[in-house]
Amino acid sequence: MTPEKDPISGRETTGHEWNGIKELNTPIPKAFRLWLWISIAVAALYWVFYPSFPYGADYLHGALGYSSREAVQVAVAEGAATRAEAFDIFETKDVNELAEMPELQAQFEGEIAVLYRDNCAACHGRDAKGQKGFPDLTDAHWLWSGSPEEIEYTLQVGINSAHEDTRIAEMPAIGRDEWLEQAEISDVIDYVLSLSGQEHDAEAAARGIDLFAENCASCHNGEGVGGYENGAPDLTDSAWLYGGTRADLRETLQHGRAGVMPAWSDRLSAAEIRKLTLYLLWQGQGDGNS
């Protein structure tokens, strides 16, 4: 079919017809055409002034020399400078001074929580309550004292780590190394159970007193309260790092314990370790004397 003029609209047809329906050759509105040409012009300007087409191993850099990569790098540098200024207090003050500034918690706890989760939560949990073999960091039971400077030092050098100044804390394998007979170990276990007020055999516990004094008191103290000087836990409370049941105690005495905490000074800056120290204090840890 050849194009013809539609008698009703007066417009030319395209020459197409479907089941008696003829298509009008209606032009695009002028406004649309205008915007099309404007968009083409703007695109051409972008090609001239901004990076556009690649060629070989390079690309057209544009008349303005703009680089989105450089813009991002500048933004990152500005952000780092802003953060450095905001966190400068952790660089300039020691941990004891910072511990006396409770207003820091509201300002920085959210950011420092991310640092904790990235480095500590795998062992101590996101809530810092620990798990078997990894201490609860929200209570007042400390192996190396809860004072700010001692927490900071532990984080710096670790426990049984590769750091040359690491803290050393090791429970010997009394059963495996045959320090005591199995019957004697059972007596010591009953005595330790008695120290923490758990169900025990009184006669066995009485026999275990001297055995404990001869083999355990040098670390755990004569009364079983432990000591910060060697990281020996208090055996008179309910906080058990590896469990306080009879079976747990037998496993500990039989095979020993030597948990490891890495020396974070090999990975984190002094300021970051200081932040983590404060974070632990904010989680409800001791008042510095626990």
Protein backbone atom coordinates (compact mmCIF):
# COMPACT_ATOMS: atom_id res chain seq x y z
CA MET A 1 0.00 0.00 0.00
CA THR A 2 1.29 3.44 -0.86
CA PRO A 3 1.13 6.40 1.54
CA GLU A 4 -2.01 8.51 1.31
CA LYS A 5 -3.64 11.34 3.18
CA ASP A 6 -5.99 10.38 6.00
CA PRO A 7 -9.33 12.10 5.31
CA ILE A 8 -10.11 12.64 9.01
CA SER A 9 -6.81 13.91 10.45
CA GLY A 10 -5.38 15.22 7.26
CA ARG A 11 -2.02 13.54 7.98
CA GLU A 12 -0.09 11.30 5.65
CA THR A 13 -0.18 7.57 6.36
CA THR A 14 2.93 5.41 6.46
CA GLY A 15 1.57 3.02 3.89
CA HIS A 16 1.19 0.27 6.50
CA GLU A 17 -2.16 -1.36 7.09
CA TRP A 18 -3.23 -4.15 9.50
CA ASN A 19 -6.71 -5.58 9.17
CA GLY A 20 -8.01 -2.34 7.73
CA ILE A 21 -6.23 -0.18 10.29
CA LYS A 22 -3.89 2.37 8.68
CA GLU A 23 -0.90 3.84 10.50
CA LEU A 24 -0.53 7.63 10.53
CA ASN A 25 2.88 9.12 9.88
CA THR A 26 2.75 11.38 12.98
CA PRO A 27 6.00 13.29 13.57
CA ILE A 28 7.78 13.38 16.96
CA PRO A 29 6.72 16.47 18.95
CA LYS A 30 9.12 19.37 18.48
CA ALA A 31 9.87 19.51 22.21
CA PHE A 32 11.09 15.92 22.16
CA ARG A 33 13.27 16.65 19.19
CA LEU A 34 14.70 19.67 20.98
CA TRP A 35 15.57 17.66 24.08
CA LEU A 36 17.15 14.97 21.92
CA TRP A 37 19.48 17.47 20.29
CA ILE A 38 20.23 19.10 23.65
CA SER A 39 21.18 15.72 25.15
CA ILE A 40 23.45 15.03 22.18
CA ALA A 41 25.10 18.42 22.66
CA VAL A 42 25.60 17.82 26.39
CA ALA A 43 27.09 14.39 25.69
CA ALA A 44 29.48 15.95 23.22
CA LEU A 45 30.57 18.49 25.84
CA TYR A 46 31.17 15.67 28.35
CA TRP A 47 33.30 13.90 25.75
CA VAL A 48 35.39 17.06 25.40
CA PHE A 49 35.79 18.02 29.06
CA TYR A 50 35.67 14.68 30.95
CA PRO A 51 37.36 11.27 30.53
CA SER A 52 35.65 9.30 27.81
CA PHE A 53 36.84 6.83 25.20
CA PRO A 54 39.68 4.37 25.75
CA TYR A 55 42.43 4.05 23.20
CA GLY A 56 45.30 1.61 23.39
CA ALA A 57 46.53 1.40 26.97
CA ASP A 58 45.17 4.85 27.85
CA TYR A 59 41.96 6.88 27.49
CA LEU A 60 40.87 10.39 26.61
CA HIS A 61 41.42 12.38 29.81
CA GLY A 62 39.27 15.36 28.85
CA ALA A 63 40.08 19.06 28.86
CA LEU A 64 39.44 19.41 32.62
CA GLY A 65 41.74 16.52 33.55
CA TYR A 66 39.13 15.18 36.01
CA SER A 67 39.74 11.77 37.60
CA SER A 68 37.14 10.01 39.73
CA ARG A 69 39.92 7.89 41.23
CA GLU A 70 41.78 11.00 42.37
CA ALA A 71 38.53 12.42 43.74
CA VAL A 72 38.01 9.27 45.81
CA GLN A 73 41.60 9.34 47.03
CA VAL A 74 41.20 12.96 48.13
CA ALA A 75 37.95 12.12 49.94
CA VAL A 76 39.59 9.16 51.69
CA ALA A 77 42.56 11.31 52.73
CA GLU A 78 40.23 13.99 54.06
CA GLY A 79 38.27 11.38 55.98
CA ALA A 80 41.46 9.95 57.45
CA ALA A 81 42.57 13.42 58.51
CA THR A 82 39.20 14.06 60.15
CA ARG A 83 39.35 10.74 61.99
CA ALA A 84 42.93 11.38 63.08
CA GLU A 85 41.88 14.71 64.55
CA ALA A 86 38.86 13.18 66.28
CA PHE A 87 40.91 10.29 67.75
CA ASP A 88 43.97 12.39 68.56
CA ILE A 89 43.17 12.12 72.26
CA PHE A 90 44.07 8.42 72.18
CA GLU A 91 47.51 9.34 70.86
CA THR A 92 48.27 12.07 73.35
CA LYS A 93 46.89 10.77 76.67
CA ASP A 94 47.81 7.62 78.55
CA VAL A 95 45.25 4.97 79.31
CA ASN A 96 44.83 5.94 82.98
CA GLU A 97 43.90 9.50 82.03
CA LEU A 98 41.47 8.24 79.41
CA ALA A 99 39.86 5.85 81.90
CA GLU A 100 38.98 8.87 84.03
CA MET A 101 37.02 10.46 81.17
CA PRO A 102 33.60 8.73 81.08
CA GLU A 103 32.36 11.16 78.42
CA LEU A 104 34.49 9.32 75.86
CA GLN A 105 32.19 6.31 75.93
CA ALA A 106 29.23 8.09 74.37
CA GLN A 107 31.46 9.65 71.74
CA PHE A 108 33.60 6.69 70.68
CA GLU A 109 32.09 3.40 71.82
CA GLY A 110 30.34 2.74 68.52
CA GLU A 111 33.51 3.14 66.45
CA ILE A 112 35.66 1.17 68.89
CA ALA A 113 33.07 -1.64 68.96
CA VAL A 114 33.89 -2.24 65.29
CA LEU A 115 37.59 -2.53 66.18
CA TYR A 116 36.68 -5.04 68.90
CA ARG A 117 34.49 -7.13 66.60
CA ASP A 118 37.15 -7.22 63.90
CA ASN A 119 39.92 -8.42 66.21
CA CYS A 120 38.49 -9.94 69.40
CA ALA A 121 34.97 -11.23 68.83
CA ALA A 122 36.06 -14.48 67.18
CA CYS A 123 37.30 -15.73 70.57
CA HIS A 124 35.49 -13.60 73.14
CA GLY A 125 32.16 -13.25 71.30
CA ARG A 126 30.43 -10.16 69.95
CA ASP A 127 29.00 -9.58 73.43
CA ALA A 128 32.47 -10.04 75.01
CA LYS A 129 31.12 -12.76 77.30
CA GLY A 130 33.64 -15.33 76.11
CA GLN A 131 33.29 -19.08 75.79
CA LYS A 132 35.05 -22.16 77.11
CA GLY A 133 38.76 -21.42 77.05
CA PHE A 134 38.25 -17.71 76.40
CA PRO A 135 37.44 -15.47 79.38
CA ASP A 136 34.34 -13.37 79.85
CA LEU A 137 35.42 -9.75 79.40
CA THR A 138 32.30 -8.26 80.99
CA ASP A 139 32.72 -9.45 84.58
CA ALA A 140 35.16 -8.55 87.34
CA HIS A 141 37.18 -11.77 87.23
CA TRP A 142 40.65 -10.90 86.00
CA LEU A 143 43.71 -13.08 85.56
CA TRP A 144 46.19 -10.22 85.28
CA SER A 145 44.38 -7.41 87.14
CA GLY A 146 41.66 -5.13 85.85
CA SER A 147 43.58 -1.88 86.08
CA PRO A 148 43.73 0.08 82.82
CA GLU A 149 47.50 -0.17 82.45
CA GLU A 150 47.50 -3.95 83.06
CA ILE A 151 44.73 -4.54 80.52
CA GLU A 152 46.66 -2.45 78.02
CA TYR A 153 49.88 -4.35 78.70
CA THR A 154 48.18 -7.72 78.27
CA LEU A 155 46.81 -6.59 74.92
CA GLN A 156 50.25 -5.39 73.88
CA VAL A 157 52.30 -8.50 74.70
CA GLY A 158 49.66 -11.25 74.77
CA ILE A 159 49.59 -14.43 76.84
CA ASN A 160 51.81 -17.36 75.91
CA SER A 161 52.38 -15.54 72.60
CA ALA A 162 55.45 -15.14 70.42
CA HIS A 163 56.15 -11.67 71.84
CA GLU A 164 59.44 -11.52 73.73
CA ASP A 165 57.73 -9.96 76.76
CA THR A 166 54.59 -12.09 76.66
CA ARG A 167 52.80 -12.96 79.85
CA ILE A 168 53.26 -16.64 80.71
CA ALA A 169 50.44 -18.66 82.24
CA GLU A 170 50.53 -22.43 82.09
CA MET A 171 48.75 -25.10 84.07
CA PRO A 172 50.99 -28.20 84.11
CA ALA A 173 49.67 -31.62 83.09
CA ILE A 174 49.81 -33.08 86.59
CA GLY A 175 48.26 -36.40 85.61
CA ARG A 176 49.96 -36.93 82.27
CA ASP A 177 53.37 -36.05 83.71
CA GLU A 178 52.69 -38.23 86.77
CA TRP A 179 53.15 -35.54 89.37
CA LEU A 180 50.37 -37.19 91.35
CA GLU A 181 48.61 -40.53 91.34
CA GLN A 182 45.07 -40.65 90.02
CA ALA A 183 43.70 -41.14 93.53
CA GLU A 184 45.62 -38.07 94.69
CA ILE A 185 44.26 -36.06 91.77
CA SER A 186 40.75 -37.08 92.85
CA ASP A 187 41.45 -35.76 96.35
CA VAL A 188 42.73 -32.46 94.95
CA ILE A 189 39.61 -32.18 92.82
CA ASP A 190 37.36 -32.60 95.86
CA TYR A 191 39.37 -29.97 97.71
CA VAL A 192 39.05 -27.52 94.79
CA LEU A 193 35.31 -28.24 94.61
CA SER A 194 35.08 -27.41 98.32
CA LEU A 195 36.83 -24.09 97.76
CA SER A 196 34.09 -22.93 95.41
CA GLY A 197 31.28 -24.31 97.56
CA GLN A 198 30.37 -27.17 95.24
CA GLU A 199 29.29 -30.67 96.19
CA HIS A 200 32.31 -32.70 97.28
CA ASP A 201 33.52 -35.60 99.41
CA ALA A 202 34.63 -34.03 102.70
CA GLU A 203 37.08 -36.82 103.56
CA ALA A 204 38.68 -36.67 100.12
CA ALA A 205 38.85 -32.88 100.32
CA ALA A 206 40.62 -33.13 103.68
CA ARG A 207 43.23 -35.43 102.13
CA GLY A 208 43.61 -32.99 99.25
CA ILE A 209 44.56 -30.00 101.43
CA ASP A 210 48.22 -30.94 101.78
CA LEU A 211 48.45 -32.11 98.17
CA PHE A 212 47.09 -28.75 97.04
CA ALA A 213 49.53 -26.87 99.27
CA GLU A 214 52.49 -28.83 97.90
CA ASN A 215 51.57 -28.76 94.22
CA CYS A 216 49.15 -25.91 93.52
CA ALA A 217 49.50 -23.18 96.12
CA SER A 218 52.62 -21.64 94.59
CA CYS A 219 50.42 -20.34 91.77
CA HIS A 220 46.88 -20.38 93.15
CA ASN A 221 47.83 -19.16 96.64
CA GLY A 222 47.28 -21.16 99.81
CA GLU A 223 43.61 -20.21 99.94
CA GLY A 224 43.09 -20.87 96.23
CA VAL A 225 42.38 -17.23 95.38
CA GLY A 226 44.93 -17.11 92.57
CA GLY A 227 47.27 -14.23 91.84
CA TYR A 228 47.73 -11.46 89.32
CA GLU A 229 51.50 -11.92 89.29
CA ASN A 230 51.24 -15.19 87.32
CA GLY A 231 47.72 -15.15 85.89
CA ALA A 232 46.53 -18.01 88.10
CA PRO A 233 42.72 -18.01 88.35
CA ASP A 234 40.76 -17.72 91.57
CA LEU A 235 39.43 -21.19 92.47
CA THR A 236 37.00 -19.95 95.10
CA ASP A 237 34.47 -18.25 92.83
CA SER A 238 32.10 -19.39 90.09
CA ALA A 239 34.12 -18.12 87.13
CA TRP A 240 35.69 -21.12 85.39
CA LEU A 241 37.66 -20.63 82.20
CA TYR A 242 37.57 -24.31 81.23
CA GLY A 243 34.62 -25.44 83.33
CA GLY A 244 34.28 -26.18 87.03
CA THR A 245 32.62 -29.60 87.07
CA ARG A 246 34.40 -32.64 88.42
CA ALA A 247 34.96 -33.88 84.86
CA ASP A 248 36.28 -30.50 83.73
CA LEU A 249 38.69 -30.29 86.66
CA ARG A 250 39.98 -33.80 86.01
CA GLU A 251 40.65 -32.94 82.38
CA THR A 252 42.51 -29.80 83.43
CA LEU A 253 44.62 -31.57 86.03
CA GLN A 254 45.28 -34.51 83.74
CA HIS A 255 46.28 -32.67 80.57
CA GLY A 256 47.10 -29.11 81.70
CA ARG A 257 46.11 -25.81 80.12
CA ALA A 258 48.07 -23.17 78.23
CA GLY A 259 45.72 -20.80 76.44
CA VAL A 260 47.17 -18.31 74.00
CA MET A 261 46.23 -14.69 73.37
CA PRO A 262 48.15 -12.98 70.55
CA ALA A 263 50.30 -9.90 71.11
CA TRP A 264 48.25 -7.17 69.48
CA SER A 265 51.17 -4.76 69.33
CA ASP A 266 52.25 -6.73 66.25
CA ARG A 267 49.01 -5.84 64.47
CA LEU A 268 47.38 -2.80 66.08
CA SER A 269 48.74 0.65 66.84
CA ALA A 270 49.28 1.86 70.38
CA ALA A 271 46.22 4.11 70.06
CA GLU A 272 44.04 1.20 68.87
CA ILE A 273 45.15 -0.94 71.81
CA ARG A 274 44.31 1.97 74.10
CA LYS A 275 40.85 2.17 72.55
CA LEU A 276 40.28 -1.55 73.11
CA THR A 277 41.40 -1.19 76.73
CA LEU A 278 38.77 1.48 77.31
CA TYR A 279 36.16 -0.58 75.47
CA LEU A 280 36.72 -3.47 77.88
CA LEU A 281 36.40 -1.16 80.84
CA TRP A 282 33.17 0.22 79.40
CA GLN A 283 31.72 -3.28 79.09
CA GLY A 284 31.37 -3.44 82.85
CA GLN A 285 34.84 -4.61 83.76
CA GLY A 286 36.33 -3.76 87.10
CA ASP A 287 37.01 -0.40 88.60
CA GLY A 288 40.73 -0.85 88.27
CA ASN A 289 41.07 -2.72 91.53
CA SER A 290 39.21 -5.92 90.76
